[in-house]
Amino acid sequence: MPGNSIGNFFRLTTFGESHGSAIGGIIDGCPAGIVWDEKFIQSELNRRRPGTNQASSPRQEPDQIEILSGIFEGKTSGQPIAFLIRNLDQNSEDYKQSEHLVRPGHADYTWKQRYGLFDPRGGGRASARETVARVAAGAIAKLYLKKFDVFFSAYVAAIGPIELPETEKTWHSPQAIDADPLRCPHRETSLKMQELLAKSISERDTVGGV
């Protein structure tokens, strides 16, 4: 299938399924000589990890990165960086009752229309689980971009119809973002989001966000 690779100069190709043995990636184009900071990479993966609040999947994964190639004596070697992140908390039996049903809000229908089949076990490749490889690669890119004083501010700006005020859609420090359980840097908005999520959970419903 197309769409497994993103980027040009710094190119990531991901592989694996939600209920496969692992999710992984191969990075081409990462310069040599970048000091390898696995503690920082793990901290980025920990921020993404599910099961940390009511808004995320209850799935519990340690998300420990395993480096297969591209690192030598504590620095990037300039060769392709290959990595794995094992899937340790998945139960395909949970999907037995719905394995022949296409679920609303998922890619089951479009996947079946395009490829003639779909993986009902958590959505296969069309699962948010695949993003763990993107976070790992993004963390590696951040190690390089630090040299140029390039930093990022990413937070939850909307859940359902509840949205941050326009004046708050600006730079926020990582500390301010991570201090909130939903990573929304505006307390009043976050409380409204939490109320909406509690209501959706009680109604066994889901709601999207930005």
N, C-alpha and C. Protein backbone atom coordinates (compact mmCIF):
# COMPACT_ATOMS: atom_id res chain seq x y z
N MET A 1 0.83 -1.19 0.00
CA MET A 1 0.00 0.00 0.00
C MET A 1 0.87 1.25 0.00
N PRO A 2 0.42 2.33 -0.65
CA PRO A 2 1.17 3.58 -0.61
C PRO A 2 0.95 4.28 0.73
N GLY A 3 1.75 5.29 1.00
CA GLY A 3 1.53 6.08 2.21
C GLY A 3 2.26 5.58 3.43
N ASN A 4 3.16 4.61 3.27
CA ASN A 4 3.93 4.13 4.42
C ASN A 4 5.16 4.98 4.68
N SER A 5 5.51 5.86 3.74
CA SER A 5 6.70 6.70 3.86
C SER A 5 6.31 8.17 3.82
N ILE A 6 6.96 8.96 4.66
CA ILE A 6 6.73 10.41 4.67
C ILE A 6 8.09 11.11 4.73
N GLY A 7 8.15 12.29 4.12
CA GLY A 7 9.38 13.07 4.16
C GLY A 7 10.20 12.92 2.90
N ASN A 8 11.14 13.82 2.72
CA ASN A 8 12.04 13.81 1.56
C ASN A 8 13.49 13.68 2.01
N PHE A 9 14.06 14.74 2.58
CA PHE A 9 15.45 14.69 3.04
C PHE A 9 15.59 13.81 4.28
N PHE A 10 14.63 13.91 5.18
CA PHE A 10 14.55 13.07 6.38
C PHE A 10 13.30 12.22 6.18
N ARG A 11 13.51 10.99 5.78
CA ARG A 11 12.38 10.16 5.32
C ARG A 11 12.13 9.00 6.28
N LEU A 12 10.88 8.87 6.70
CA LEU A 12 10.47 7.78 7.59
C LEU A 12 9.55 6.81 6.86
N THR A 13 9.87 5.54 6.96
CA THR A 13 8.99 4.47 6.49
C THR A 13 8.61 3.64 7.71
N THR A 14 7.30 3.47 7.93
CA THR A 14 6.84 2.70 9.09
C THR A 14 6.29 1.36 8.64
N PHE A 15 6.25 0.42 9.59
CA PHE A 15 5.68 -0.90 9.30
C PHE A 15 5.07 -1.46 10.58
N GLY A 16 4.26 -2.50 10.42
CA GLY A 16 3.64 -3.16 11.57
C GLY A 16 2.16 -2.84 11.69
N GLU A 17 1.46 -3.67 12.47
CA GLU A 17 0.02 -3.50 12.69
C GLU A 17 -0.27 -3.39 14.18
N SER A 18 -1.46 -2.91 14.48
CA SER A 18 -1.87 -2.72 15.87
C SER A 18 -1.72 -3.98 16.71
N HIS A 19 -2.08 -5.14 16.11
CA HIS A 19 -2.01 -6.40 16.86
C HIS A 19 -0.93 -7.33 16.33
N GLY A 20 0.03 -6.79 15.59
CA GLY A 20 1.19 -7.57 15.19
C GLY A 20 2.19 -7.61 16.33
N SER A 21 3.35 -8.18 16.08
CA SER A 21 4.34 -8.31 17.15
C SER A 21 5.01 -6.98 17.49
N ALA A 22 5.05 -6.05 16.52
CA ALA A 22 5.72 -4.77 16.78
C ALA A 22 5.31 -3.73 15.75
N ILE A 23 5.54 -2.48 16.10
CA ILE A 23 5.49 -1.35 15.17
C ILE A 23 6.94 -0.89 15.01
N GLY A 24 7.32 -0.52 13.81
CA GLY A 24 8.70 -0.10 13.62
C GLY A 24 8.84 0.95 12.54
N GLY A 25 10.08 1.40 12.38
CA GLY A 25 10.34 2.40 11.37
C GLY A 25 11.78 2.36 10.90
N ILE A 26 11.99 2.90 9.71
CA ILE A 26 13.33 3.08 9.15
C ILE A 26 13.45 4.54 8.72
N ILE A 27 14.48 5.21 9.22
CA ILE A 27 14.72 6.61 8.89
C ILE A 27 15.90 6.70 7.94
N ASP A 28 15.68 7.31 6.79
CA ASP A 28 16.75 7.61 5.84
C ASP A 28 17.02 9.11 5.87
N GLY A 29 18.28 9.49 5.80
CA GLY A 29 18.61 10.91 5.70
C GLY A 29 18.94 11.59 7.00
N CYS A 30 19.03 10.84 8.09
CA CYS A 30 19.42 11.47 9.36
C CYS A 30 20.93 11.71 9.34
N PRO A 31 21.38 12.93 9.57
CA PRO A 31 22.82 13.22 9.51
C PRO A 31 23.61 12.44 10.56
N ALA A 32 24.87 12.22 10.27
CA ALA A 32 25.77 11.56 11.23
C ALA A 32 26.20 12.55 12.31
N GLY A 33 26.57 12.01 13.47
CA GLY A 33 27.16 12.83 14.52
C GLY A 33 26.21 13.41 15.53
N ILE A 34 24.91 13.11 15.43
CA ILE A 34 23.96 13.61 16.42
C ILE A 34 24.08 12.77 17.68
N VAL A 35 24.26 13.43 18.81
CA VAL A 35 24.38 12.71 20.08
C VAL A 35 23.06 12.00 20.39
N TRP A 36 23.16 10.71 20.64
CA TRP A 36 21.97 9.89 20.87
C TRP A 36 21.50 10.06 22.31
N ASP A 37 20.26 10.53 22.47
CA ASP A 37 19.69 10.76 23.80
C ASP A 37 18.45 9.89 23.96
N GLU A 38 18.67 8.64 24.36
CA GLU A 38 17.54 7.71 24.46
C GLU A 38 16.57 8.11 25.56
N LYS A 39 17.06 8.76 26.59
CA LYS A 39 16.18 9.22 27.67
C LYS A 39 15.17 10.23 27.14
N PHE A 40 15.63 11.15 26.29
CA PHE A 40 14.71 12.13 25.69
C PHE A 40 13.71 11.44 24.78
N ILE A 41 14.18 10.52 23.94
CA ILE A 41 13.28 9.80 23.03
C ILE A 41 12.22 9.05 23.82
N GLN A 42 12.64 8.40 24.91
CA GLN A 42 11.68 7.66 25.72
C GLN A 42 10.67 8.61 26.37
N SER A 43 11.12 9.80 26.77
CA SER A 43 10.19 10.76 27.38
C SER A 43 9.13 11.20 26.38
N GLU A 44 9.50 11.33 25.11
CA GLU A 44 8.53 11.67 24.07
C GLU A 44 7.54 10.53 23.86
N LEU A 45 8.04 9.29 23.85
CA LEU A 45 7.16 8.13 23.72
C LEU A 45 6.22 8.01 24.92
N ASN A 46 6.72 8.34 26.10
CA ASN A 46 5.89 8.27 27.30
C ASN A 46 4.75 9.28 27.24
N ARG A 47 4.99 10.43 26.64
CA ARG A 47 3.93 11.44 26.52
C ARG A 47 2.80 10.95 25.62
N ARG A 48 3.14 10.12 24.63
CA ARG A 48 2.14 9.60 23.72
C ARG A 48 1.41 8.36 24.26
N ARG A 49 2.03 7.68 25.20
CA ARG A 49 1.54 6.37 25.66
C ARG A 49 0.06 6.39 26.02
N PRO A 50 -0.69 5.34 25.60
CA PRO A 50 -2.10 5.25 25.98
C PRO A 50 -2.25 4.85 27.44
N GLY A 51 -3.49 4.93 27.91
CA GLY A 51 -3.79 4.48 29.26
C GLY A 51 -3.40 5.44 30.35
N THR A 52 -3.10 6.70 29.99
CA THR A 52 -2.64 7.66 31.00
C THR A 52 -3.75 8.59 31.48
N ASN A 53 -4.87 8.67 30.75
CA ASN A 53 -6.00 9.50 31.19
C ASN A 53 -7.28 9.00 30.53
N GLN A 54 -8.41 9.59 30.92
CA GLN A 54 -9.71 9.12 30.44
C GLN A 54 -9.91 9.33 28.94
N ALA A 55 -9.10 10.21 28.34
CA ALA A 55 -9.30 10.53 26.93
C ALA A 55 -8.59 9.55 26.01
N SER A 56 -7.73 8.71 26.56
CA SER A 56 -6.92 7.83 25.71
C SER A 56 -7.41 6.39 25.77
N SER A 57 -6.85 5.59 24.89
CA SER A 57 -7.14 4.16 24.88
C SER A 57 -6.70 3.55 26.21
N PRO A 58 -7.45 2.56 26.73
CA PRO A 58 -7.03 1.90 27.98
C PRO A 58 -5.85 0.95 27.79
N ARG A 59 -5.44 0.76 26.55
CA ARG A 59 -4.32 -0.15 26.26
C ARG A 59 -3.06 0.29 27.01
N GLN A 60 -2.39 -0.65 27.63
CA GLN A 60 -1.17 -0.37 28.40
C GLN A 60 0.04 -0.93 27.67
N GLU A 61 0.87 -0.05 27.16
CA GLU A 61 2.08 -0.47 26.44
C GLU A 61 3.30 0.25 27.03
N PRO A 62 4.39 -0.46 27.29
CA PRO A 62 5.59 0.20 27.80
C PRO A 62 6.28 1.08 26.76
N ASP A 63 6.10 0.75 25.48
CA ASP A 63 6.66 1.55 24.38
C ASP A 63 8.16 1.81 24.52
N GLN A 64 8.90 0.75 24.76
CA GLN A 64 10.36 0.84 24.84
C GLN A 64 10.95 0.70 23.43
N ILE A 65 11.75 1.66 23.02
CA ILE A 65 12.32 1.63 21.67
C ILE A 65 13.54 0.70 21.64
N GLU A 66 13.63 -0.09 20.58
CA GLU A 66 14.78 -0.96 20.35
C GLU A 66 15.46 -0.50 19.06
N ILE A 67 16.73 -0.15 19.13
CA ILE A 67 17.47 0.31 17.96
C ILE A 67 18.16 -0.87 17.29
N LEU A 68 17.91 -1.04 16.00
CA LEU A 68 18.50 -2.15 15.24
C LEU A 68 19.73 -1.72 14.46
N SER A 69 19.77 -0.47 14.03
CA SER A 69 20.91 0.01 13.24
C SER A 69 20.93 1.53 13.23
N GLY A 70 22.07 2.09 12.82
CA GLY A 70 22.18 3.53 12.61
C GLY A 70 22.75 4.32 13.76
N ILE A 71 23.08 3.64 14.88
CA ILE A 71 23.68 4.31 16.03
C ILE A 71 25.01 3.64 16.34
N PHE A 72 26.06 4.44 16.48
CA PHE A 72 27.39 3.89 16.76
C PHE A 72 28.10 4.76 17.78
N GLU A 73 28.52 4.14 18.87
CA GLU A 73 29.25 4.83 19.94
C GLU A 73 28.53 6.10 20.41
N GLY A 74 27.21 5.96 20.59
CA GLY A 74 26.42 7.05 21.17
C GLY A 74 26.06 8.17 20.23
N LYS A 75 26.28 7.97 18.92
CA LYS A 75 25.92 9.00 17.95
C LYS A 75 25.30 8.36 16.72
N THR A 76 24.52 9.16 15.98
CA THR A 76 23.99 8.66 14.71
C THR A 76 25.15 8.46 13.74
N SER A 77 25.07 7.39 12.95
CA SER A 77 26.19 7.04 12.06
C SER A 77 26.01 7.55 10.64
N GLY A 78 24.83 8.09 10.33
CA GLY A 78 24.55 8.51 8.96
C GLY A 78 23.93 7.41 8.13
N GLN A 79 23.90 6.20 8.67
CA GLN A 79 23.25 5.07 8.00
C GLN A 79 21.77 5.06 8.38
N PRO A 80 20.94 4.28 7.66
CA PRO A 80 19.53 4.21 8.04
C PRO A 80 19.36 3.80 9.50
N ILE A 81 18.49 4.49 10.19
CA ILE A 81 18.17 4.15 11.58
C ILE A 81 16.93 3.27 11.57
N ALA A 82 17.07 2.03 12.01
CA ALA A 82 15.94 1.11 12.09
C ALA A 82 15.61 0.87 13.56
N PHE A 83 14.32 0.89 13.87
CA PHE A 83 13.91 0.70 15.26
C PHE A 83 12.61 -0.10 15.35
N LEU A 84 12.41 -0.70 16.51
CA LEU A 84 11.20 -1.47 16.81
C LEU A 84 10.61 -0.99 18.13
N ILE A 85 9.28 -1.08 18.22
CA ILE A 85 8.57 -0.88 19.48
C ILE A 85 7.57 -2.02 19.59
N ARG A 86 7.78 -2.89 20.55
CA ARG A 86 6.97 -4.11 20.66
C ARG A 86 5.53 -3.81 21.08
N ASN A 87 4.60 -4.62 20.55
CA ASN A 87 3.21 -4.60 21.00
C ASN A 87 3.05 -5.69 22.06
N LEU A 88 2.83 -5.29 23.30
CA LEU A 88 2.77 -6.26 24.39
C LEU A 88 1.39 -6.37 25.03
N ASP A 89 0.52 -5.39 24.78
CA ASP A 89 -0.82 -5.41 25.39
C ASP A 89 -1.88 -5.37 24.31
N GLN A 90 -2.14 -6.52 23.72
CA GLN A 90 -3.20 -6.61 22.72
C GLN A 90 -3.84 -7.98 22.78
N ASN A 91 -5.15 -8.00 22.61
CA ASN A 91 -5.92 -9.23 22.67
C ASN A 91 -6.87 -9.28 21.48
N SER A 92 -6.49 -10.02 20.47
CA SER A 92 -7.29 -10.07 19.24
C SER A 92 -8.65 -10.71 19.47
N GLU A 93 -8.79 -11.49 20.54
CA GLU A 93 -10.09 -12.12 20.84
C GLU A 93 -11.16 -11.06 21.12
N ASP A 94 -10.74 -9.88 21.54
CA ASP A 94 -11.71 -8.81 21.81
C ASP A 94 -12.49 -8.41 20.57
N TYR A 95 -11.96 -8.75 19.40
CA TYR A 95 -12.58 -8.32 18.15
C TYR A 95 -13.33 -9.44 17.43
N LYS A 96 -13.43 -10.61 18.05
CA LYS A 96 -14.07 -11.75 17.40
C LYS A 96 -15.52 -11.46 17.03
N GLN A 97 -16.26 -10.84 17.94
CA GLN A 97 -17.68 -10.61 17.70
C GLN A 97 -17.93 -9.60 16.58
N SER A 98 -16.96 -8.75 16.32
CA SER A 98 -17.17 -7.70 15.31
C SER A 98 -16.25 -7.86 14.11
N GLU A 99 -15.64 -9.03 13.94
CA GLU A 99 -14.63 -9.17 12.89
C GLU A 99 -15.21 -9.04 11.48
N HIS A 100 -16.52 -9.22 11.31
CA HIS A 100 -17.13 -9.09 9.98
C HIS A 100 -17.92 -7.79 9.84
N LEU A 101 -17.83 -6.93 10.83
CA LEU A 101 -18.55 -5.66 10.81
C LEU A 101 -17.59 -4.51 10.55
N VAL A 102 -18.02 -3.56 9.74
CA VAL A 102 -17.21 -2.35 9.56
C VAL A 102 -17.67 -1.32 10.60
N ARG A 103 -16.74 -0.78 11.35
CA ARG A 103 -17.08 0.09 12.47
C ARG A 103 -17.11 1.56 12.04
N PRO A 104 -18.13 2.30 12.48
CA PRO A 104 -18.17 3.73 12.17
C PRO A 104 -16.99 4.44 12.83
N GLY A 105 -16.48 5.44 12.14
CA GLY A 105 -15.36 6.19 12.69
C GLY A 105 -14.02 5.52 12.53
N HIS A 106 -13.98 4.38 11.84
CA HIS A 106 -12.73 3.67 11.60
C HIS A 106 -12.50 3.56 10.08
N ALA A 107 -11.37 3.00 9.71
CA ALA A 107 -11.03 2.89 8.29
C ALA A 107 -11.44 1.54 7.69
N ASP A 108 -12.22 0.74 8.45
CA ASP A 108 -12.58 -0.60 7.99
C ASP A 108 -13.22 -0.59 6.60
N TYR A 109 -14.22 0.27 6.41
CA TYR A 109 -14.96 0.28 5.14
C TYR A 109 -14.07 0.72 3.98
N THR A 110 -13.38 1.83 4.15
CA THR A 110 -12.54 2.33 3.05
C THR A 110 -11.41 1.36 2.75
N TRP A 111 -10.87 0.71 3.77
CA TRP A 111 -9.79 -0.26 3.57
C TRP A 111 -10.30 -1.45 2.75
N LYS A 112 -11.49 -1.93 3.11
CA LYS A 112 -12.06 -3.07 2.39
C LYS A 112 -12.38 -2.70 0.95
N GLN A 113 -12.90 -1.50 0.73
CA GLN A 113 -13.22 -1.06 -0.63
C GLN A 113 -11.96 -0.97 -1.49
N ARG A 114 -10.87 -0.55 -0.89
CA ARG A 114 -9.64 -0.36 -1.67
C ARG A 114 -8.84 -1.65 -1.85
N TYR A 115 -8.76 -2.46 -0.79
CA TYR A 115 -7.88 -3.63 -0.84
C TYR A 115 -8.61 -4.97 -0.84
N GLY A 116 -9.93 -4.93 -0.66
CA GLY A 116 -10.69 -6.17 -0.69
C GLY A 116 -10.73 -6.90 0.64
N LEU A 117 -10.10 -6.35 1.66
CA LEU A 117 -10.11 -6.95 3.00
C LEU A 117 -9.73 -5.89 4.01
N PHE A 118 -9.96 -6.19 5.28
CA PHE A 118 -9.49 -5.29 6.33
C PHE A 118 -9.14 -6.13 7.55
N ASP A 119 -8.26 -5.59 8.37
CA ASP A 119 -7.82 -6.26 9.59
C ASP A 119 -8.68 -5.76 10.74
N PRO A 120 -9.58 -6.62 11.27
CA PRO A 120 -10.47 -6.16 12.34
C PRO A 120 -9.78 -6.01 13.69
N ARG A 121 -8.57 -6.52 13.82
CA ARG A 121 -7.87 -6.52 15.12
C ARG A 121 -7.30 -5.13 15.42
N GLY A 122 -8.15 -4.27 15.93
CA GLY A 122 -7.68 -2.93 16.27
C GLY A 122 -7.44 -2.03 15.08
N GLY A 123 -7.86 -2.47 13.90
CA GLY A 123 -7.70 -1.64 12.71
C GLY A 123 -6.44 -1.90 11.92
N GLY A 124 -5.59 -2.84 12.38
CA GLY A 124 -4.38 -3.15 11.62
C GLY A 124 -3.46 -1.95 11.49
N ARG A 125 -3.10 -1.61 10.25
CA ARG A 125 -2.24 -0.44 10.01
C ARG A 125 -3.01 0.86 10.20
N ALA A 126 -4.34 0.79 10.01
CA ALA A 126 -5.16 2.00 10.14
C ALA A 126 -5.54 2.22 11.60
N SER A 127 -4.56 2.17 12.46
CA SER A 127 -4.76 2.30 13.90
C SER A 127 -3.88 3.42 14.43
N ALA A 128 -4.35 4.08 15.48
CA ALA A 128 -3.51 5.11 16.11
C ALA A 128 -2.23 4.52 16.67
N ARG A 129 -2.19 3.21 16.82
CA ARG A 129 -0.98 2.55 17.32
C ARG A 129 0.21 2.84 16.40
N GLU A 130 -0.06 3.00 15.10
CA GLU A 130 1.01 3.26 14.13
C GLU A 130 1.75 4.56 14.43
N THR A 131 1.08 5.48 15.12
CA THR A 131 1.71 6.78 15.37
C THR A 131 2.88 6.69 16.34
N VAL A 132 3.01 5.56 17.05
CA VAL A 132 4.16 5.44 17.96
C VAL A 132 5.47 5.51 17.18
N ALA A 133 5.49 5.00 15.95
CA ALA A 133 6.69 5.08 15.12
C ALA A 133 6.96 6.52 14.70
N ARG A 134 5.91 7.28 14.45
CA ARG A 134 6.06 8.67 14.05
C ARG A 134 6.58 9.53 15.21
N VAL A 135 6.12 9.21 16.41
CA VAL A 135 6.61 9.94 17.58
C VAL A 135 8.09 9.66 17.80
N ALA A 136 8.48 8.39 17.67
CA ALA A 136 9.89 8.03 17.84
C ALA A 136 10.75 8.76 16.81
N ALA A 137 10.32 8.75 15.56
CA ALA A 137 11.08 9.43 14.50
C ALA A 137 11.09 10.94 14.72
N GLY A 138 9.97 11.49 15.18
CA GLY A 138 9.91 12.91 15.47
C GLY A 138 10.86 13.31 16.59
N ALA A 139 11.00 12.43 17.58
CA ALA A 139 11.94 12.70 18.68
C ALA A 139 13.37 12.72 18.17
N ILE A 140 13.68 11.81 17.25
CA ILE A 140 15.03 11.79 16.67
C ILE A 140 15.27 13.06 15.85
N ALA A 141 14.25 13.49 15.11
CA ALA A 141 14.37 14.74 14.35
C ALA A 141 14.58 15.93 15.29
N LYS A 142 13.91 15.91 16.44
CA LYS A 142 14.08 17.00 17.41
C LYS A 142 15.52 17.09 17.91
N LEU A 143 16.17 15.93 18.07
CA LEU A 143 17.57 15.95 18.52
C LEU A 143 18.43 16.75 17.54
N TYR A 144 18.13 16.61 16.26
CA TYR A 144 18.88 17.34 15.23
C TYR A 144 18.50 18.82 15.22
N LEU A 145 17.20 19.09 15.30
CA LEU A 145 16.72 20.47 15.18
C LEU A 145 17.11 21.34 16.37
N LYS A 146 17.40 20.72 17.51
CA LYS A 146 17.87 21.48 18.68
C LYS A 146 19.11 22.30 18.36
N LYS A 147 19.94 21.78 17.45
CA LYS A 147 21.17 22.48 17.07
C LYS A 147 20.86 23.85 16.47
N PHE A 148 19.67 23.99 15.92
CA PHE A 148 19.28 25.23 15.24
C PHE A 148 18.26 26.02 16.07
N ASP A 149 18.12 25.66 17.35
CA ASP A 149 17.17 26.32 18.25
C ASP A 149 15.74 26.27 17.70
N VAL A 150 15.38 25.13 17.11
CA VAL A 150 14.01 24.91 16.64
C VAL A 150 13.28 24.06 17.68
N PHE A 151 12.15 24.59 18.18
CA PHE A 151 11.38 23.89 19.20
C PHE A 151 9.91 23.88 18.80
N PHE A 152 9.13 23.07 19.49
CA PHE A 152 7.73 22.87 19.11
C PHE A 152 6.81 23.06 20.31
N SER A 153 5.59 23.50 20.01
CA SER A 153 4.54 23.61 21.03
C SER A 153 3.30 22.94 20.47
N ALA A 154 2.94 21.78 21.01
CA ALA A 154 1.78 21.03 20.51
C ALA A 154 0.87 20.71 21.68
N TYR A 155 -0.42 20.93 21.50
CA TYR A 155 -1.38 20.73 22.59
C TYR A 155 -2.76 20.43 22.01
N VAL A 156 -3.68 20.04 22.88
CA VAL A 156 -5.06 19.77 22.47
C VAL A 156 -5.78 21.11 22.37
N ALA A 157 -6.27 21.42 21.17
CA ALA A 157 -6.94 22.69 20.93
C ALA A 157 -8.46 22.56 20.88
N ALA A 158 -8.96 21.34 20.65
CA ALA A 158 -10.42 21.15 20.57
C ALA A 158 -10.76 19.69 20.83
N ILE A 159 -11.86 19.48 21.53
CA ILE A 159 -12.46 18.16 21.65
C ILE A 159 -13.94 18.34 21.37
N GLY A 160 -14.43 17.67 20.32
CA GLY A 160 -15.80 17.88 19.90
C GLY A 160 -16.02 19.35 19.59
N PRO A 161 -17.11 19.94 20.09
CA PRO A 161 -17.39 21.35 19.80
C PRO A 161 -16.66 22.32 20.74
N ILE A 162 -15.96 21.80 21.73
CA ILE A 162 -15.29 22.66 22.71
C ILE A 162 -13.89 23.00 22.22
N GLU A 163 -13.62 24.29 22.09
CA GLU A 163 -12.39 24.73 21.44
C GLU A 163 -11.69 25.81 22.26
N LEU A 164 -10.37 25.82 22.18
CA LEU A 164 -9.59 26.87 22.83
C LEU A 164 -9.99 28.25 22.30
N PRO A 165 -10.01 29.28 23.16
CA PRO A 165 -10.21 30.64 22.66
C PRO A 165 -9.09 31.00 21.68
N GLU A 166 -9.40 31.82 20.71
CA GLU A 166 -8.41 32.19 19.70
C GLU A 166 -7.16 32.81 20.32
N THR A 167 -7.35 33.55 21.41
CA THR A 167 -6.20 34.21 22.04
C THR A 167 -5.24 33.22 22.68
N GLU A 168 -5.71 31.98 22.91
CA GLU A 168 -4.87 30.96 23.54
C GLU A 168 -4.18 30.06 22.53
N LYS A 169 -4.50 30.25 21.25
CA LYS A 169 -3.88 29.42 20.20
C LYS A 169 -2.54 30.02 19.82
N THR A 170 -1.59 29.86 20.71
CA THR A 170 -0.28 30.46 20.56
C THR A 170 0.75 29.55 21.20
N TRP A 171 1.97 30.03 21.36
CA TRP A 171 3.02 29.22 22.00
C TRP A 171 2.70 29.01 23.47
N HIS A 172 2.84 27.74 23.91
CA HIS A 172 2.74 27.40 25.33
C HIS A 172 3.92 26.50 25.66
N SER A 173 4.46 26.66 26.84
CA SER A 173 5.62 25.86 27.23
C SER A 173 5.22 24.40 27.44
N PRO A 174 6.15 23.47 27.22
CA PRO A 174 5.86 22.06 27.48
C PRO A 174 5.39 21.82 28.91
N GLN A 175 5.93 22.57 29.87
CA GLN A 175 5.55 22.41 31.27
C GLN A 175 4.08 22.77 31.48
N ALA A 176 3.63 23.86 30.86
CA ALA A 176 2.24 24.28 30.99
C ALA A 176 1.30 23.27 30.33
N ILE A 177 1.73 22.73 29.21
CA ILE A 177 0.91 21.75 28.49
C ILE A 177 0.80 20.46 29.28
N ASP A 178 1.92 19.95 29.76
CA ASP A 178 1.92 18.66 30.45
C ASP A 178 1.30 18.73 31.84
N ALA A 179 1.12 19.93 32.37
CA ALA A 179 0.51 20.06 33.69
C ALA A 179 -0.98 19.74 33.67
N ASP A 180 -1.58 19.76 32.48
CA ASP A 180 -3.02 19.50 32.35
C ASP A 180 -3.25 18.04 31.94
N PRO A 181 -4.24 17.36 32.51
CA PRO A 181 -4.47 15.95 32.18
C PRO A 181 -4.81 15.70 30.72
N LEU A 182 -5.39 16.71 30.05
CA LEU A 182 -5.71 16.56 28.62
C LEU A 182 -4.69 17.26 27.73
N ARG A 183 -3.67 17.83 28.33
CA ARG A 183 -2.67 18.64 27.61
C ARG A 183 -3.32 19.80 26.86
N CYS A 184 -4.29 20.38 27.52
CA CYS A 184 -4.91 21.62 27.03
C CYS A 184 -4.42 22.74 27.94
N PRO A 185 -3.73 23.74 27.41
CA PRO A 185 -3.08 24.75 28.25
C PRO A 185 -4.02 25.82 28.81
N HIS A 186 -5.32 25.66 28.64
CA HIS A 186 -6.28 26.64 29.14
C HIS A 186 -7.22 25.92 30.10
N ARG A 187 -7.10 26.22 31.40
CA ARG A 187 -7.78 25.45 32.45
C ARG A 187 -9.30 25.39 32.26
N GLU A 188 -9.92 26.52 32.00
CA GLU A 188 -11.38 26.57 31.86
C GLU A 188 -11.85 25.69 30.70
N THR A 189 -11.14 25.76 29.59
CA THR A 189 -11.50 24.94 28.43
C THR A 189 -11.28 23.47 28.73
N SER A 190 -10.19 23.16 29.41
CA SER A 190 -9.89 21.76 29.75
C SER A 190 -10.99 21.15 30.61
N LEU A 191 -11.51 21.90 31.58
CA LEU A 191 -12.58 21.38 32.45
C LEU A 191 -13.83 21.06 31.64
N LYS A 192 -14.16 21.91 30.68
CA LYS A 192 -15.32 21.65 29.81
C LYS A 192 -15.08 20.40 28.96
N MET A 193 -13.84 20.25 28.47
CA MET A 193 -13.50 19.06 27.69
C MET A 193 -13.64 17.80 28.53
N GLN A 194 -13.18 17.87 29.78
CA GLN A 194 -13.26 16.71 30.66
C GLN A 194 -14.71 16.32 30.94
N GLU A 195 -15.58 17.31 31.10
CA GLU A 195 -17.01 17.04 31.30
C GLU A 195 -17.60 16.35 30.08
N LEU A 196 -17.23 16.84 28.89
CA LEU A 196 -17.73 16.23 27.65
C LEU A 196 -17.25 14.78 27.52
N LEU A 197 -16.00 14.54 27.85
CA LEU A 197 -15.46 13.18 27.76
C LEU A 197 -16.15 12.24 28.74
N ALA A 198 -16.39 12.72 29.95
CA ALA A 198 -17.08 11.89 30.94
C ALA A 198 -18.48 11.53 30.45
N LYS A 199 -19.16 12.48 29.83
CA LYS A 199 -20.50 12.24 29.28
C LYS A 199 -20.43 11.22 28.15
N SER A 200 -19.46 11.37 27.26
CA SER A 200 -19.32 10.44 26.13
C SER A 200 -19.03 9.03 26.62
N ILE A 201 -18.16 8.92 27.64
CA ILE A 201 -17.83 7.60 28.19
C ILE A 201 -19.07 6.96 28.80
N SER A 202 -19.86 7.75 29.54
CA SER A 202 -21.06 7.20 30.18
C SER A 202 -22.08 6.74 29.15
N GLU A 203 -22.07 7.36 27.98
CA GLU A 203 -22.99 7.00 26.90
C GLU A 203 -22.37 5.98 25.94
N ARG A 204 -21.17 5.50 26.28
CA ARG A 204 -20.44 4.54 25.45
C ARG A 204 -20.26 5.07 24.02
N ASP A 205 -19.90 6.34 23.95
CA ASP A 205 -19.73 7.02 22.67
C ASP A 205 -18.28 7.51 22.57
N THR A 206 -17.92 8.02 21.41
CA THR A 206 -16.60 8.60 21.21
C THR A 206 -16.74 10.02 20.67
N VAL A 207 -15.67 10.77 20.78
CA VAL A 207 -15.68 12.15 20.29
C VAL A 207 -14.28 12.47 19.78
N GLY A 208 -14.21 13.24 18.71
CA GLY A 208 -12.92 13.56 18.10
C GLY A 208 -12.29 14.80 18.69
N GLY A 209 -11.06 15.05 18.29
CA GLY A 209 -10.36 16.22 18.81
C GLY A 209 -9.30 16.72 17.85
N VAL A 210 -8.74 17.88 18.18
CA VAL A 210 -7.67 18.49 17.38
C VAL A 210 -6.53 18.85 18.31
